[in-house]
Amino acid sequence: MTMVNLPAPLANQYTAIISSGVDMIVVVVIGIKLGTGGLVRAYSGVALECLKGAETHIVKPKVPIGMDVPFDLLGPIYHQHFHVEDIKQDYDTGRDGFVMLTFIVDYEKIVDLENAINSTCSRKIEFLKL
């Protein structure tokens, strides 16, 4: 969204949206054809009012991660995965004696998961940020 060449009332609505601290807003406008003046008159002050009553959701960034895990460490690593909430995981056969685990985890939980897994295992597991 940009404020280039917007009349003052529309620029104010844009400013109301930006200053609300809310991002990823979806707006659907349907109806008869209105010019810029008609839009300003029809929706004057509506942007701010809509944002005040809007339902918001916190969206946490998620990161795909993978690691080669020896078969003998699968149990302890799966146990550590269950301590991290909302983890989506998959696995595939890797080189001999290893399994490639891939999973998606909250960005803020990566360091804690890496530390937990490496403190549980007898050797350092390398994490691949996919």
Protein backbone atom coordinates (compact mmCIF):
# COMPACT_ATOMS: atom_id res chain seq x y z
CA MET A 1 0.00 0.00 0.00
CA THR A 2 1.27 3.48 -0.77
CA MET A 3 0.15 7.03 -0.07
CA VAL A 4 1.32 8.43 -3.42
CA ASN A 5 -1.31 10.74 -4.97
CA LEU A 6 -4.01 9.94 -2.41
CA PRO A 7 -6.42 12.70 -1.40
CA ALA A 8 -6.03 13.78 2.25
CA PRO A 9 -9.03 11.78 3.61
CA LEU A 10 -7.80 8.55 2.00
CA ALA A 11 -4.27 9.25 3.19
CA ASN A 12 -5.69 9.63 6.72
CA GLN A 13 -7.34 6.20 6.44
CA TYR A 14 -4.03 4.76 5.27
CA THR A 15 -2.31 6.41 8.25
CA ALA A 16 -4.94 4.96 10.60
CA ILE A 17 -4.21 1.47 9.29
CA ILE A 18 -0.44 1.87 9.53
CA SER A 19 -0.52 3.40 13.03
CA SER A 20 -2.79 0.62 14.36
CA GLY A 21 0.15 -1.79 14.49
CA VAL A 22 -1.86 -4.40 12.59
CA ASP A 23 -0.41 -5.86 9.42
CA MET A 24 -1.59 -8.37 6.83
CA ILE A 25 -4.96 -6.65 6.51
CA VAL A 26 -7.43 -7.85 3.91
CA VAL A 27 -10.01 -5.40 2.65
CA VAL A 28 -12.89 -6.27 0.33
CA VAL A 29 -14.90 -3.42 -1.16
CA ILE A 30 -17.88 -4.31 -3.34
CA GLY A 31 -20.77 -2.31 -4.63
CA ILE A 32 -21.45 0.41 -7.09
CA LYS A 33 -18.71 2.33 -8.82
CA LEU A 34 -17.59 5.26 -6.73
CA GLY A 35 -15.04 7.87 -7.60
CA THR A 36 -12.43 8.96 -5.10
CA GLY A 37 -14.78 11.58 -3.66
CA GLY A 38 -17.59 9.04 -3.30
CA LEU A 39 -15.29 6.60 -1.53
CA VAL A 40 -14.16 9.31 0.86
CA ARG A 41 -17.73 10.26 1.71
CA ALA A 42 -18.94 6.66 1.94
CA TYR A 43 -16.09 5.31 4.04
CA SER A 44 -14.86 8.37 5.93
CA GLY A 45 -13.67 7.24 9.35
CA VAL A 46 -14.59 3.61 8.64
CA ALA A 47 -10.99 2.37 8.53
CA LEU A 48 -10.27 3.40 12.10
CA GLU A 49 -13.62 2.08 13.39
CA CYS A 50 -13.13 -1.27 11.65
CA LEU A 51 -9.65 -1.64 13.11
CA LYS A 52 -10.92 -0.91 16.62
CA GLY A 53 -13.38 -3.80 16.46
CA ALA A 54 -11.34 -6.13 14.29
CA GLU A 55 -10.49 -9.59 15.51
CA THR A 56 -6.73 -10.06 15.53
CA HIS A 57 -4.54 -13.15 15.56
CA ILE A 58 -0.87 -13.35 16.42
CA VAL A 59 1.05 -15.01 13.61
CA LYS A 60 4.33 -16.57 14.71
CA PRO A 61 6.97 -17.15 12.06
CA LYS A 62 7.79 -20.81 11.50
CA VAL A 63 11.03 -22.19 10.11
CA PRO A 64 11.67 -25.49 8.29
CA ILE A 65 14.59 -27.41 9.78
CA GLY A 66 16.17 -30.76 9.02
CA MET A 67 18.78 -33.01 10.58
CA ASP A 68 20.49 -36.33 9.93
CA VAL A 69 19.88 -38.51 12.97
CA PRO A 70 21.51 -41.89 13.67
CA PHE A 71 18.95 -44.64 14.34
CA ASP A 72 20.15 -45.06 17.93
CA LEU A 73 19.28 -41.41 18.75
CA LEU A 74 15.77 -41.34 17.25
CA GLY A 75 14.06 -42.03 20.59
CA PRO A 76 15.73 -39.23 22.56
CA ILE A 77 15.28 -36.76 19.69
CA TYR A 78 11.58 -37.58 19.27
CA HIS A 79 11.20 -37.10 23.02
CA GLN A 80 12.71 -33.59 22.74
CA HIS A 81 10.41 -32.77 19.80
CA PHE A 82 7.36 -33.40 21.97
CA HIS A 83 8.51 -30.67 24.37
CA VAL A 84 8.18 -28.14 21.54
CA GLU A 85 4.56 -27.21 20.84
CA ASP A 86 3.04 -27.09 17.36
CA ILE A 87 5.83 -28.99 15.65
CA LYS A 88 5.11 -30.64 12.31
CA GLN A 89 7.58 -33.35 11.39
CA ASP A 90 8.35 -35.92 8.74
CA TYR A 91 11.17 -38.35 8.14
CA ASP A 92 12.88 -40.06 5.25
CA THR A 93 15.61 -42.66 4.98
CA GLY A 94 19.05 -41.15 4.66
CA ARG A 95 22.50 -42.60 4.35
CA ASP A 96 23.21 -45.95 6.03
CA GLY A 97 22.23 -45.91 9.68
CA PHE A 98 20.70 -42.43 9.53
CA VAL A 99 17.25 -40.91 9.17
CA MET A 100 16.64 -37.43 7.78
CA LEU A 101 14.14 -35.64 10.04
CA THR A 102 12.46 -32.54 8.68
CA PHE A 103 10.17 -30.38 10.73
CA ILE A 104 8.64 -26.94 11.04
CA VAL A 105 9.03 -25.13 14.34
CA ASP A 106 8.35 -21.65 15.73
CA TYR A 107 11.33 -19.41 15.00
CA GLU A 108 11.62 -18.39 18.66
CA LYS A 109 11.99 -22.04 19.75
CA ILE A 110 14.86 -23.07 17.45
CA VAL A 111 17.71 -22.33 19.86
CA ASP A 112 15.96 -24.07 22.78
CA LEU A 113 15.28 -27.15 20.63
CA GLU A 114 18.88 -27.29 19.37
CA ASN A 115 20.23 -26.98 22.92
CA ALA A 116 17.83 -29.62 24.27
CA ILE A 117 18.67 -32.12 21.53
CA ASN A 118 22.43 -31.60 21.76
CA SER A 119 22.41 -31.87 25.57
CA THR A 120 20.40 -35.12 25.36
CA CYS A 121 22.51 -36.78 22.66
CA SER A 122 25.97 -38.22 23.10
CA ARG A 123 27.19 -36.24 20.08
CA LYS A 124 26.41 -32.97 18.37
CA ILE A 125 23.55 -33.08 15.86
CA GLU A 126 23.84 -30.62 12.99
CA PHE A 127 20.68 -28.66 12.17
CA LEU A 128 20.01 -27.70 8.58
CA LYS A 129 17.95 -24.55 8.10
CA LEU A 130 15.93 -25.41 4.98
